[in-house]
Amino acid sequence: LIMERLRMNSDIKHQWQDALALMSLAGNI
């Protein structure tokens, strides 16, 4: 299940670091 969920991020993984940065904002954590 973990691997299946990770594969769902395959097409957007090059965008994911930017998403994590936005998620790191105090109000979003």
mmCIF file of all heavy atoms, coordinates in Angstrom:
data_MODEL
# 
_entry.id   MODEL 
# 
loop_
_atom_site.group_PDB 
_atom_site.id 
_atom_site.type_symbol 
_atom_site.label_atom_id 
_atom_site.label_alt_id 
_atom_site.label_comp_id 
_atom_site.label_asym_id 
_atom_site.label_entity_id 
_atom_site.label_seq_id 
_atom_site.pdbx_PDB_ins_code 
_atom_site.Cartn_x 
_atom_site.Cartn_y 
_atom_site.Cartn_z 
_atom_site.occupancy 
_atom_site.B_iso_or_equiv 
_atom_site.pdbx_formal_charge 
_atom_site.auth_seq_id 
_atom_site.auth_comp_id 
_atom_site.auth_asym_id 
_atom_site.auth_atom_id 
_atom_site.pdbx_PDB_model_num 
ATOM 1   N N   . LEU A 1 1  ? 0.822  -1.208 0.000   1.00 0.00 ? 1  LEU A N   1 
ATOM 2   C CA  . LEU A 1 1  ? 0.000  0.000  0.000   1.00 0.00 ? 1  LEU A CA  1 
ATOM 3   C C   . LEU A 1 1  ? 0.856  1.258  0.000   1.00 0.00 ? 1  LEU A C   1 
ATOM 4   O O   . LEU A 1 1  ? 0.542  2.234  -0.696  1.00 0.00 ? 1  LEU A O   1 
ATOM 5   C CB  . LEU A 1 1  ? -0.931 -0.010 1.209   1.00 0.00 ? 1  LEU A CB  1 
ATOM 6   C CG  . LEU A 1 1  ? -2.071 -1.037 1.146   1.00 0.00 ? 1  LEU A CG  1 
ATOM 7   C CD1 . LEU A 1 1  ? -2.664 -1.270 2.529   1.00 0.00 ? 1  LEU A CD1 1 
ATOM 8   C CD2 . LEU A 1 1  ? -3.153 -0.579 0.169   1.00 0.00 ? 1  LEU A CD2 1 
ATOM 9   N N   . ILE A 1 2  ? 1.932  1.269  0.780   1.00 0.00 ? 2  ILE A N   1 
ATOM 10  C CA  . ILE A 1 2  ? 2.832  2.414  0.786   1.00 0.00 ? 2  ILE A CA  1 
ATOM 11  C C   . ILE A 1 2  ? 3.413  2.640  -0.601  1.00 0.00 ? 2  ILE A C   1 
ATOM 12  O O   . ILE A 1 2  ? 3.441  3.768  -1.112  1.00 0.00 ? 2  ILE A O   1 
ATOM 13  C CB  . ILE A 1 2  ? 3.957  2.241  1.825   1.00 0.00 ? 2  ILE A CB  1 
ATOM 14  C CG1 . ILE A 1 2  ? 3.391  2.377  3.241   1.00 0.00 ? 2  ILE A CG1 1 
ATOM 15  C CG2 . ILE A 1 2  ? 5.070  3.268  1.609   1.00 0.00 ? 2  ILE A CG2 1 
ATOM 16  C CD1 . ILE A 1 2  ? 4.395  2.090  4.343   1.00 0.00 ? 2  ILE A CD1 1 
ATOM 17  N N   . MET A 1 3  ? 3.874  1.563  -1.247  1.00 0.00 ? 3  MET A N   1 
ATOM 18  C CA  . MET A 1 3  ? 4.464  1.704  -2.581  1.00 0.00 ? 3  MET A CA  1 
ATOM 19  C C   . MET A 1 3  ? 3.424  2.145  -3.610  1.00 0.00 ? 3  MET A C   1 
ATOM 20  O O   . MET A 1 3  ? 3.720  2.960  -4.491  1.00 0.00 ? 3  MET A O   1 
ATOM 21  C CB  . MET A 1 3  ? 5.110  0.389  -3.018  1.00 0.00 ? 3  MET A CB  1 
ATOM 22  C CG  . MET A 1 3  ? 6.425  0.072  -2.327  1.00 0.00 ? 3  MET A CG  1 
ATOM 23  S SD  . MET A 1 3  ? 7.641  1.433  -2.422  1.00 0.00 ? 3  MET A SD  1 
ATOM 24  C CE  . MET A 1 3  ? 7.767  1.685  -4.196  1.00 0.00 ? 3  MET A CE  1 
ATOM 25  N N   . GLU A 1 4  ? 2.200  1.640  -3.493  1.00 0.00 ? 4  GLU A N   1 
ATOM 26  C CA  . GLU A 1 4  ? 1.154  2.058  -4.423  1.00 0.00 ? 4  GLU A CA  1 
ATOM 27  C C   . GLU A 1 4  ? 0.868  3.547  -4.278  1.00 0.00 ? 4  GLU A C   1 
ATOM 28  O O   . GLU A 1 4  ? 0.726  4.262  -5.273  1.00 0.00 ? 4  GLU A O   1 
ATOM 29  C CB  . GLU A 1 4  ? -0.119 1.253  -4.177  1.00 0.00 ? 4  GLU A CB  1 
ATOM 30  C CG  . GLU A 1 4  ? -1.273 1.568  -5.126  1.00 0.00 ? 4  GLU A CG  1 
ATOM 31  C CD  . GLU A 1 4  ? -0.989 1.158  -6.568  1.00 0.00 ? 4  GLU A CD  1 
ATOM 32  O OE1 . GLU A 1 4  ? -0.076 0.326  -6.793  1.00 0.00 ? 4  GLU A OE1 1 
ATOM 33  O OE2 . GLU A 1 4  ? -1.677 1.669  -7.473  1.00 0.00 ? 4  GLU A OE2 1 
ATOM 34  N N   . ARG A 1 5  ? 0.824  4.006  -3.025  1.00 0.00 ? 5  ARG A N   1 
ATOM 35  C CA  . ARG A 1 5  ? 0.586  5.443  -2.805  1.00 0.00 ? 5  ARG A CA  1 
ATOM 36  C C   . ARG A 1 5  ? 1.758  6.269  -3.317  1.00 0.00 ? 5  ARG A C   1 
ATOM 37  O O   . ARG A 1 5  ? 1.556  7.345  -3.905  1.00 0.00 ? 5  ARG A O   1 
ATOM 38  C CB  . ARG A 1 5  ? 0.345  5.686  -1.302  1.00 0.00 ? 5  ARG A CB  1 
ATOM 39  C CG  . ARG A 1 5  ? 0.222  7.155  -0.931  1.00 0.00 ? 5  ARG A CG  1 
ATOM 40  C CD  . ARG A 1 5  ? -0.934 7.834  -1.667  1.00 0.00 ? 5  ARG A CD  1 
ATOM 41  N NE  . ARG A 1 5  ? -0.921 9.269  -1.416  1.00 0.00 ? 5  ARG A NE  1 
ATOM 42  C CZ  . ARG A 1 5  ? -0.216 10.149 -2.127  1.00 0.00 ? 5  ARG A CZ  1 
ATOM 43  N NH1 . ARG A 1 5  ? 0.533  9.750  -3.149  1.00 0.00 ? 5  ARG A NH1 1 
ATOM 44  N NH2 . ARG A 1 5  ? -0.263 11.432 -1.832  1.00 0.00 ? 5  ARG A NH2 1 
ATOM 45  N N   . LEU A 1 6  ? 2.981  5.808  -3.113  1.00 0.00 ? 6  LEU A N   1 
ATOM 46  C CA  . LEU A 1 6  ? 4.144  6.541  -3.602  1.00 0.00 ? 6  LEU A CA  1 
ATOM 47  C C   . LEU A 1 6  ? 4.133  6.634  -5.124  1.00 0.00 ? 6  LEU A C   1 
ATOM 48  O O   . LEU A 1 6  ? 4.497  7.662  -5.704  1.00 0.00 ? 6  LEU A O   1 
ATOM 49  C CB  . LEU A 1 6  ? 5.433  5.879  -3.120  1.00 0.00 ? 6  LEU A CB  1 
ATOM 50  C CG  . LEU A 1 6  ? 5.749  6.018  -1.625  1.00 0.00 ? 6  LEU A CG  1 
ATOM 51  C CD1 . LEU A 1 6  ? 6.931  5.134  -1.248  1.00 0.00 ? 6  LEU A CD1 1 
ATOM 52  C CD2 . LEU A 1 6  ? 6.033  7.467  -1.257  1.00 0.00 ? 6  LEU A CD2 1 
ATOM 53  N N   . ARG A 1 7  ? 3.731  5.561  -5.788  1.00 0.00 ? 7  ARG A N   1 
ATOM 54  C CA  . ARG A 1 7  ? 3.690  5.581  -7.263  1.00 0.00 ? 7  ARG A CA  1 
ATOM 55  C C   . ARG A 1 7  ? 2.694  6.613  -7.777  1.00 0.00 ? 7  ARG A C   1 
ATOM 56  O O   . ARG A 1 7  ? 2.827  7.101  -8.900  1.00 0.00 ? 7  ARG A O   1 
ATOM 57  C CB  . ARG A 1 7  ? 3.357  4.189  -7.799  1.00 0.00 ? 7  ARG A CB  1 
ATOM 58  C CG  . ARG A 1 7  ? 4.481  3.167  -7.595  1.00 0.00 ? 7  ARG A CG  1 
ATOM 59  C CD  . ARG A 1 7  ? 4.192  1.852  -8.300  1.00 0.00 ? 7  ARG A CD  1 
ATOM 60  N NE  . ARG A 1 7  ? 5.239  0.871  -8.011  1.00 0.00 ? 7  ARG A NE  1 
ATOM 61  C CZ  . ARG A 1 7  ? 5.150  -0.067 -7.077  1.00 0.00 ? 7  ARG A CZ  1 
ATOM 62  N NH1 . ARG A 1 7  ? 4.026  -0.171 -6.346  1.00 0.00 ? 7  ARG A NH1 1 
ATOM 63  N NH2 . ARG A 1 7  ? 6.146  -0.901 -6.870  1.00 0.00 ? 7  ARG A NH2 1 
ATOM 64  N N   . MET A 1 8  ? 1.694  6.927  -6.973  1.00 0.00 ? 8  MET A N   1 
ATOM 65  C CA  . MET A 1 8  ? 0.747  7.962  -7.376  1.00 0.00 ? 8  MET A CA  1 
ATOM 66  C C   . MET A 1 8  ? 1.409  9.337  -7.440  1.00 0.00 ? 8  MET A C   1 
ATOM 67  O O   . MET A 1 8  ? 0.852  10.266 -8.022  1.00 0.00 ? 8  MET A O   1 
ATOM 68  C CB  . MET A 1 8  ? -0.440 8.005  -6.401  1.00 0.00 ? 8  MET A CB  1 
ATOM 69  C CG  . MET A 1 8  ? -1.310 6.775  -6.420  1.00 0.00 ? 8  MET A CG  1 
ATOM 70  S SD  . MET A 1 8  ? -2.638 6.900  -5.184  1.00 0.00 ? 8  MET A SD  1 
ATOM 71  C CE  . MET A 1 8  ? -3.316 5.235  -5.250  1.00 0.00 ? 8  MET A CE  1 
ATOM 72  N N   . ASN A 1 9  ? 2.580  9.474  -6.820  1.00 0.00 ? 9  ASN A N   1 
ATOM 73  C CA  . ASN A 1 9  ? 3.323  10.733 -6.864  1.00 0.00 ? 9  ASN A CA  1 
ATOM 74  C C   . ASN A 1 9  ? 4.365  10.758 -7.976  1.00 0.00 ? 9  ASN A C   1 
ATOM 75  O O   . ASN A 1 9  ? 5.080  11.759 -8.103  1.00 0.00 ? 9  ASN A O   1 
ATOM 76  C CB  . ASN A 1 9  ? 4.025  10.979 -5.525  1.00 0.00 ? 9  ASN A CB  1 
ATOM 77  C CG  . ASN A 1 9  ? 3.124  11.639 -4.492  1.00 0.00 ? 9  ASN A CG  1 
ATOM 78  O OD1 . ASN A 1 9  ? 1.929  11.795 -4.713  1.00 0.00 ? 9  ASN A OD1 1 
ATOM 79  N ND2 . ASN A 1 9  ? 3.691  12.008 -3.362  1.00 0.00 ? 9  ASN A ND2 1 
ATOM 80  N N   . SER A 1 10 ? 4.454  9.692  -8.751  1.00 0.00 ? 10 SER A N   1 
ATOM 81  C CA  . SER A 1 10 ? 5.514  9.606  -9.758  1.00 0.00 ? 10 SER A CA  1 
ATOM 82  C C   . SER A 1 10 ? 5.476  10.764 -10.741 1.00 0.00 ? 10 SER A C   1 
ATOM 83  O O   . SER A 1 10 ? 6.515  11.343 -11.076 1.00 0.00 ? 10 SER A O   1 
ATOM 84  C CB  . SER A 1 10 ? 5.408  8.271  -10.515 1.00 0.00 ? 10 SER A CB  1 
ATOM 85  O OG  . SER A 1 10 ? 5.669  7.182  -9.666  1.00 0.00 ? 10 SER A OG  1 
ATOM 86  N N   . ASP A 1 11 ? 4.287  11.136 -11.200 1.00 0.00 ? 11 ASP A N   1 
ATOM 87  C CA  . ASP A 1 11 ? 4.173  12.181 -12.219 1.00 0.00 ? 11 ASP A CA  1 
ATOM 88  C C   . ASP A 1 11 ? 4.422  13.581 -11.670 1.00 0.00 ? 11 ASP A C   1 
ATOM 89  O O   . ASP A 1 11 ? 4.679  14.512 -12.452 1.00 0.00 ? 11 ASP A O   1 
ATOM 90  C CB  . ASP A 1 11 ? 2.782  12.144 -12.870 1.00 0.00 ? 11 ASP A CB  1 
ATOM 91  C CG  . ASP A 1 11 ? 2.580  10.910 -13.733 1.00 0.00 ? 11 ASP A CG  1 
ATOM 92  O OD1 . ASP A 1 11 ? 3.596  10.272 -14.089 1.00 0.00 ? 11 ASP A OD1 1 
ATOM 93  O OD2 . ASP A 1 11 ? 1.425  10.581 -14.036 1.00 0.00 ? 11 ASP A OD2 1 
ATOM 94  N N   . ILE A 1 12 ? 4.358  13.728 -10.360 1.00 0.00 ? 12 ILE A N   1 
ATOM 95  C CA  . ILE A 1 12 ? 4.520  15.072 -9.784  1.00 0.00 ? 12 ILE A CA  1 
ATOM 96  C C   . ILE A 1 12 ? 5.716  15.145 -8.830  1.00 0.00 ? 12 ILE A C   1 
ATOM 97  O O   . ILE A 1 12 ? 5.880  16.143 -8.129  1.00 0.00 ? 12 ILE A O   1 
ATOM 98  C CB  . ILE A 1 12 ? 3.230  15.530 -9.069  1.00 0.00 ? 12 ILE A CB  1 
ATOM 99  C CG1 . ILE A 1 12 ? 2.799  14.544 -7.977  1.00 0.00 ? 12 ILE A CG1 1 
ATOM 100 C CG2 . ILE A 1 12 ? 2.101  15.715 -10.058 1.00 0.00 ? 12 ILE A CG2 1 
ATOM 101 C CD1 . ILE A 1 12 ? 3.289  14.858 -6.598  1.00 0.00 ? 12 ILE A CD1 1 
ATOM 102 N N   . LYS A 1 13 ? 6.552  14.105 -8.810  1.00 0.00 ? 13 LYS A N   1 
ATOM 103 C CA  . LYS A 1 13 ? 7.626  14.085 -7.810  1.00 0.00 ? 13 LYS A CA  1 
ATOM 104 C C   . LYS A 1 13 ? 8.626  15.216 -8.012  1.00 0.00 ? 13 LYS A C   1 
ATOM 105 O O   . LYS A 1 13 ? 9.234  15.684 -7.046  1.00 0.00 ? 13 LYS A O   1 
ATOM 106 C CB  . LYS A 1 13 ? 8.326  12.726 -7.780  1.00 0.00 ? 13 LYS A CB  1 
ATOM 107 C CG  . LYS A 1 13 ? 9.178  12.386 -8.976  1.00 0.00 ? 13 LYS A CG  1 
ATOM 108 C CD  . LYS A 1 13 ? 9.885  11.057 -8.729  1.00 0.00 ? 13 LYS A CD  1 
ATOM 109 C CE  . LYS A 1 13 ? 10.863 10.753 -9.846  1.00 0.00 ? 13 LYS A CE  1 
ATOM 110 N NZ  . LYS A 1 13 ? 11.652 9.542  -9.564  1.00 0.00 ? 13 LYS A NZ  1 
ATOM 111 N N   . HIS A 1 14 ? 8.783  15.685 -9.251  1.00 0.00 ? 14 HIS A N   1 
ATOM 112 C CA  . HIS A 1 14 ? 9.683  16.813 -9.496  1.00 0.00 ? 14 HIS A CA  1 
ATOM 113 C C   . HIS A 1 14 ? 9.096  18.127 -8.977  1.00 0.00 ? 14 HIS A C   1 
ATOM 114 O O   . HIS A 1 14 ? 9.801  19.137 -8.898  1.00 0.00 ? 14 HIS A O   1 
ATOM 115 C CB  . HIS A 1 14 ? 9.972  16.938 -10.994 1.00 0.00 ? 14 HIS A CB  1 
ATOM 116 C CG  . HIS A 1 14 ? 8.756  17.092 -11.843 1.00 0.00 ? 14 HIS A CG  1 
ATOM 117 N ND1 . HIS A 1 14 ? 7.834  16.088 -12.006 1.00 0.00 ? 14 HIS A ND1 1 
ATOM 118 C CD2 . HIS A 1 14 ? 8.303  18.144 -12.581 1.00 0.00 ? 14 HIS A CD2 1 
ATOM 119 C CE1 . HIS A 1 14 ? 6.857  16.511 -12.795 1.00 0.00 ? 14 HIS A CE1 1 
ATOM 120 N NE2 . HIS A 1 14 ? 7.115  17.747 -13.149 1.00 0.00 ? 14 HIS A NE2 1 
ATOM 121 N N   . GLN A 1 15 ? 7.818  18.114 -8.608  1.00 0.00 ? 15 GLN A N   1 
ATOM 122 C CA  . GLN A 1 15 ? 7.164  19.303 -8.035  1.00 0.00 ? 15 GLN A CA  1 
ATOM 123 C C   . GLN A 1 15 ? 7.005  19.188 -6.518  1.00 0.00 ? 15 GLN A C   1 
ATOM 124 O O   . GLN A 1 15 ? 6.588  20.156 -5.877  1.00 0.00 ? 15 GLN A O   1 
ATOM 125 C CB  . GLN A 1 15 ? 5.763  19.476 -8.655  1.00 0.00 ? 15 GLN A CB  1 
ATOM 126 C CG  . GLN A 1 15 ? 5.716  19.486 -10.167 1.00 0.00 ? 15 GLN A CG  1 
ATOM 127 C CD  . GLN A 1 15 ? 6.215  20.791 -10.772 1.00 0.00 ? 15 GLN A CD  1 
ATOM 128 O OE1 . GLN A 1 15 ? 6.705  21.673 -10.061 1.00 0.00 ? 15 GLN A OE1 1 
ATOM 129 N NE2 . GLN A 1 15 ? 6.108  20.921 -12.077 1.00 0.00 ? 15 GLN A NE2 1 
ATOM 130 N N   . TRP A 1 16 ? 7.345  18.022 -5.975  1.00 0.00 ? 16 TRP A N   1 
ATOM 131 C CA  . TRP A 1 16 ? 6.962  17.743 -4.599  1.00 0.00 ? 16 TRP A CA  1 
ATOM 132 C C   . TRP A 1 16 ? 7.800  18.501 -3.575  1.00 0.00 ? 16 TRP A C   1 
ATOM 133 O O   . TRP A 1 16 ? 7.300  18.865 -2.514  1.00 0.00 ? 16 TRP A O   1 
ATOM 134 C CB  . TRP A 1 16 ? 7.019  16.246 -4.335  1.00 0.00 ? 16 TRP A CB  1 
ATOM 135 C CG  . TRP A 1 16 ? 6.303  15.839 -3.084  1.00 0.00 ? 16 TRP A CG  1 
ATOM 136 C CD1 . TRP A 1 16 ? 6.804  15.152 -2.021  1.00 0.00 ? 16 TRP A CD1 1 
ATOM 137 C CD2 . TRP A 1 16 ? 4.926  16.100 -2.760  1.00 0.00 ? 16 TRP A CD2 1 
ATOM 138 N NE1 . TRP A 1 16 ? 5.842  14.972 -1.066  1.00 0.00 ? 16 TRP A NE1 1 
ATOM 139 C CE2 . TRP A 1 16 ? 4.675  15.540 -1.497  1.00 0.00 ? 16 TRP A CE2 1 
ATOM 140 C CE3 . TRP A 1 16 ? 3.875  16.756 -3.435  1.00 0.00 ? 16 TRP A CE3 1 
ATOM 141 C CZ2 . TRP A 1 16 ? 3.429  15.623 -0.881  1.00 0.00 ? 16 TRP A CZ2 1 
ATOM 142 C CZ3 . TRP A 1 16 ? 2.647  16.839 -2.825  1.00 0.00 ? 16 TRP A CZ3 1 
ATOM 143 C CH2 . TRP A 1 16 ? 2.422  16.271 -1.553  1.00 0.00 ? 16 TRP A CH2 1 
ATOM 144 N N   . GLN A 1 17 ? 9.068  18.760 -3.856  1.00 0.00 ? 17 GLN A N   1 
ATOM 145 C CA  . GLN A 1 17 ? 9.874  19.515 -2.901  1.00 0.00 ? 17 GLN A CA  1 
ATOM 146 C C   . GLN A 1 17 ? 9.294  20.914 -2.681  1.00 0.00 ? 17 GLN A C   1 
ATOM 147 O O   . GLN A 1 17 ? 9.278  21.424 -1.553  1.00 0.00 ? 17 GLN A O   1 
ATOM 148 C CB  . GLN A 1 17 ? 11.330 19.612 -3.382  1.00 0.00 ? 17 GLN A CB  1 
ATOM 149 C CG  . GLN A 1 17 ? 12.113 18.307 -3.305  1.00 0.00 ? 17 GLN A CG  1 
ATOM 150 C CD  . GLN A 1 17 ? 12.435 17.886 -1.876  1.00 0.00 ? 17 GLN A CD  1 
ATOM 151 O OE1 . GLN A 1 17 ? 12.213 18.634 -0.933  1.00 0.00 ? 17 GLN A OE1 1 
ATOM 152 N NE2 . GLN A 1 17 ? 12.958 16.690 -1.714  1.00 0.00 ? 17 GLN A NE2 1 
ATOM 153 N N   . ASP A 1 18 ? 8.817  21.537 -3.749  1.00 0.00 ? 18 ASP A N   1 
ATOM 154 C CA  . ASP A 1 18 ? 8.188  22.855 -3.606  1.00 0.00 ? 18 ASP A CA  1 
ATOM 155 C C   . ASP A 1 18 ? 6.905  22.761 -2.786  1.00 0.00 ? 18 ASP A C   1 
ATOM 156 O O   . ASP A 1 18 ? 6.590  23.655 -1.990  1.00 0.00 ? 18 ASP A O   1 
ATOM 157 C CB  . ASP A 1 18 ? 7.876  23.450 -4.978  1.00 0.00 ? 18 ASP A CB  1 
ATOM 158 C CG  . ASP A 1 18 ? 9.132  23.871 -5.731  1.00 0.00 ? 18 ASP A CG  1 
ATOM 159 O OD1 . ASP A 1 18 ? 10.176 24.064 -5.079  1.00 0.00 ? 18 ASP A OD1 1 
ATOM 160 O OD2 . ASP A 1 18 ? 9.066  23.986 -6.971  1.00 0.00 ? 18 ASP A OD2 1 
ATOM 161 N N   . ALA A 1 19 ? 6.163  21.652 -2.972  1.00 0.00 ? 19 ALA A N   1 
ATOM 162 C CA  . ALA A 1 19 ? 4.941  21.453 -2.198  1.00 0.00 ? 19 ALA A CA  1 
ATOM 163 C C   . ALA A 1 19 ? 5.268  21.302 -0.715  1.00 0.00 ? 19 ALA A C   1 
ATOM 164 O O   . ALA A 1 19 ? 4.592  21.879 0.147   1.00 0.00 ? 19 ALA A O   1 
ATOM 165 C CB  . ALA A 1 19 ? 4.184  20.234 -2.711  1.00 0.00 ? 19 ALA A CB  1 
ATOM 166 N N   . LEU A 1 20 ? 6.317  20.545 -0.403  1.00 0.00 ? 20 LEU A N   1 
ATOM 167 C CA  . LEU A 1 20 ? 6.720  20.354 0.986   1.00 0.00 ? 20 LEU A CA  1 
ATOM 168 C C   . LEU A 1 20 ? 7.133  21.684 1.625   1.00 0.00 ? 20 LEU A C   1 
ATOM 169 O O   . LEU A 1 20 ? 6.870  21.926 2.804   1.00 0.00 ? 20 LEU A O   1 
ATOM 170 C CB  . LEU A 1 20 ? 7.860  19.345 1.081   1.00 0.00 ? 20 LEU A CB  1 
ATOM 171 C CG  . LEU A 1 20 ? 7.486  17.886 0.800   1.00 0.00 ? 20 LEU A CG  1 
ATOM 172 C CD1 . LEU A 1 20 ? 8.739  17.014 0.743   1.00 0.00 ? 20 LEU A CD1 1 
ATOM 173 C CD2 . LEU A 1 20 ? 6.522  17.351 1.855   1.00 0.00 ? 20 LEU A CD2 1 
ATOM 174 N N   . ALA A 1 21 ? 7.776  22.535 0.843   1.00 0.00 ? 21 ALA A N   1 
ATOM 175 C CA  . ALA A 1 21 ? 8.167  23.847 1.365   1.00 0.00 ? 21 ALA A CA  1 
ATOM 176 C C   . ALA A 1 21 ? 6.934  24.663 1.752   1.00 0.00 ? 21 ALA A C   1 
ATOM 177 O O   . ALA A 1 21 ? 6.916  25.338 2.786   1.00 0.00 ? 21 ALA A O   1 
ATOM 178 C CB  . ALA A 1 21 ? 8.996  24.594 0.324   1.00 0.00 ? 21 ALA A CB  1 
ATOM 179 N N   . LEU A 1 22 ? 5.891  24.597 0.933   1.00 0.00 ? 22 LEU A N   1 
ATOM 180 C CA  . LEU A 1 22 ? 4.655  25.319 1.246   1.00 0.00 ? 22 LEU A CA  1 
ATOM 181 C C   . LEU A 1 22 ? 3.966  24.708 2.459   1.00 0.00 ? 22 LEU A C   1 
ATOM 182 O O   . LEU A 1 22 ? 3.419  25.420 3.312   1.00 0.00 ? 22 LEU A O   1 
ATOM 183 C CB  . LEU A 1 22 ? 3.719  25.286 0.036   1.00 0.00 ? 22 LEU A CB  1 
ATOM 184 C CG  . LEU A 1 22 ? 2.409  26.068 0.147   1.00 0.00 ? 22 LEU A CG  1 
ATOM 185 C CD1 . LEU A 1 22 ? 2.667  27.529 0.481   1.00 0.00 ? 22 LEU A CD1 1 
ATOM 186 C CD2 . LEU A 1 22 ? 1.616  25.954 -1.153  1.00 0.00 ? 22 LEU A CD2 1 
ATOM 187 N N   . MET A 1 23 ? 4.011  23.388 2.560   1.00 0.00 ? 23 MET A N   1 
ATOM 188 C CA  . MET A 1 23 ? 3.412  22.708 3.701   1.00 0.00 ? 23 MET A CA  1 
ATOM 189 C C   . MET A 1 23 ? 4.145  23.036 4.998   1.00 0.00 ? 23 MET A C   1 
ATOM 190 O O   . MET A 1 23 ? 3.599  22.876 6.088   1.00 0.00 ? 23 MET A O   1 
ATOM 191 C CB  . MET A 1 23 ? 3.403  21.195 3.456   1.00 0.00 ? 23 MET A CB  1 
ATOM 192 C CG  . MET A 1 23 ? 2.462  20.779 2.331   1.00 0.00 ? 23 MET A CG  1 
ATOM 193 S SD  . MET A 1 23 ? 2.857  19.141 1.637   1.00 0.00 ? 23 MET A SD  1 
ATOM 194 C CE  . MET A 1 23 ? 2.531  18.073 3.026   1.00 0.00 ? 23 MET A CE  1 
ATOM 195 N N   . SER A 1 24 ? 5.411  23.491 4.891   1.00 0.00 ? 24 SER A N   1 
ATOM 196 C CA  . SER A 1 24 ? 6.222  23.805 6.060   1.00 0.00 ? 24 SER A CA  1 
ATOM 197 C C   . SER A 1 24 ? 5.874  25.136 6.699   1.00 0.00 ? 24 SER A C   1 
ATOM 198 O O   . SER A 1 24 ? 6.350  25.428 7.802   1.00 0.00 ? 24 SER A O   1 
ATOM 199 C CB  . SER A 1 24 ? 7.709  23.822 5.678   1.00 0.00 ? 24 SER A CB  1 
ATOM 200 O OG  . SER A 1 24 ? 8.150  22.539 5.308   1.00 0.00 ? 24 SER A OG  1 
ATOM 201 N N   . LEU A 1 25 ? 5.086  25.958 6.025   1.00 0.00 ? 25 LEU A N   1 
ATOM 202 C CA  . LEU A 1 25 ? 4.691  27.227 6.627   1.00 0.00 ? 25 LEU A CA  1 
ATOM 203 C C   . LEU A 1 25 ? 3.908  26.962 7.907   1.00 0.00 ? 25 LEU A C   1 
ATOM 204 O O   . LEU A 1 25 ? 3.089  26.039 7.970   1.00 0.00 ? 25 LEU A O   1 
ATOM 205 C CB  . LEU A 1 25 ? 3.851  28.041 5.645   1.00 0.00 ? 25 LEU A CB  1 
ATOM 206 C CG  . LEU A 1 25 ? 4.572  28.466 4.352   1.00 0.00 ? 25 LEU A CG  1 
ATOM 207 C CD1 . LEU A 1 25 ? 3.619  29.237 3.448   1.00 0.00 ? 25 LEU A CD1 1 
ATOM 208 C CD2 . LEU A 1 25 ? 5.818  29.285 4.657   1.00 0.00 ? 25 LEU A CD2 1 
ATOM 209 N N   . ALA A 1 26 ? 4.159  27.774 8.920   1.00 0.00 ? 26 ALA A N   1 
ATOM 210 C CA  . ALA A 1 26 ? 3.633  27.492 10.259  1.00 0.00 ? 26 ALA A CA  1 
ATOM 211 C C   . ALA A 1 26 ? 2.131  27.211 10.267  1.00 0.00 ? 26 ALA A C   1 
ATOM 212 O O   . ALA A 1 26 ? 1.668  26.269 10.912  1.00 0.00 ? 26 ALA A O   1 
ATOM 213 C CB  . ALA A 1 26 ? 3.960  28.665 11.191  1.00 0.00 ? 26 ALA A CB  1 
ATOM 214 N N   . GLY A 1 27 ? 1.367  28.008 9.544   1.00 0.00 ? 27 GLY A N   1 
ATOM 215 C CA  . GLY A 1 27 ? -0.077 27.827 9.550   1.00 0.00 ? 27 GLY A CA  1 
ATOM 216 C C   . GLY A 1 27 ? -0.547 26.586 8.810   1.00 0.00 ? 27 GLY A C   1 
ATOM 217 O O   . GLY A 1 27 ? -1.693 26.152 8.996   1.00 0.00 ? 27 GLY A O   1 
ATOM 218 N N   . ASN A 1 28 ? 0.330  25.996 7.987   1.00 0.00 ? 28 ASN A N   1 
ATOM 219 C CA  . ASN A 1 28 ? -0.058 24.835 7.180   1.00 0.00 ? 28 ASN A CA  1 
ATOM 220 C C   . ASN A 1 28 ? 0.347  23.510 7.810   1.00 0.00 ? 28 ASN A C   1 
ATOM 221 O O   . ASN A 1 28 ? -0.141 22.449 7.385   1.00 0.00 ? 28 ASN A O   1 
ATOM 222 C CB  . ASN A 1 28 ? 0.576  24.934 5.791   1.00 0.00 ? 28 ASN A CB  1 
ATOM 223 C CG  . ASN A 1 28 ? 0.064  26.116 4.999   1.00 0.00 ? 28 ASN A CG  1 
ATOM 224 O OD1 . ASN A 1 28 ? -0.988 26.678 5.322   1.00 0.00 ? 28 ASN A OD1 1 
ATOM 225 N ND2 . ASN A 1 28 ? 0.790  26.514 3.974   1.00 0.00 ? 28 ASN A ND2 1 
ATOM 226 N N   . ILE A 1 29 ? 1.238  23.541 8.792   1.00 0.00 ? 29 ILE A N   1 
ATOM 227 C CA  . ILE A 1 29 ? 1.775  22.303 9.352   1.00 0.00 ? 29 ILE A CA  1 
ATOM 228 C C   . ILE A 1 29 ? 0.696  21.415 9.984   1.00 0.00 ? 29 ILE A C   1 
ATOM 229 O O   . ILE A 1 29 ? 0.686  20.205 9.735   1.00 0.00 ? 29 ILE A O   1 
ATOM 230 C CB  . ILE A 1 29 ? 2.902  22.615 10.355  1.00 0.00 ? 29 ILE A CB  1 
ATOM 231 C CG1 . ILE A 1 29 ? 4.133  23.122 9.598   1.00 0.00 ? 29 ILE A CG1 1 
ATOM 232 C CG2 . ILE A 1 29 ? 3.265  21.382 11.178  1.00 0.00 ? 29 ILE A CG2 1 
ATOM 233 C CD1 . ILE A 1 29 ? 5.250  23.617 10.492  1.00 0.00 ? 29 ILE A CD1 1 
# 
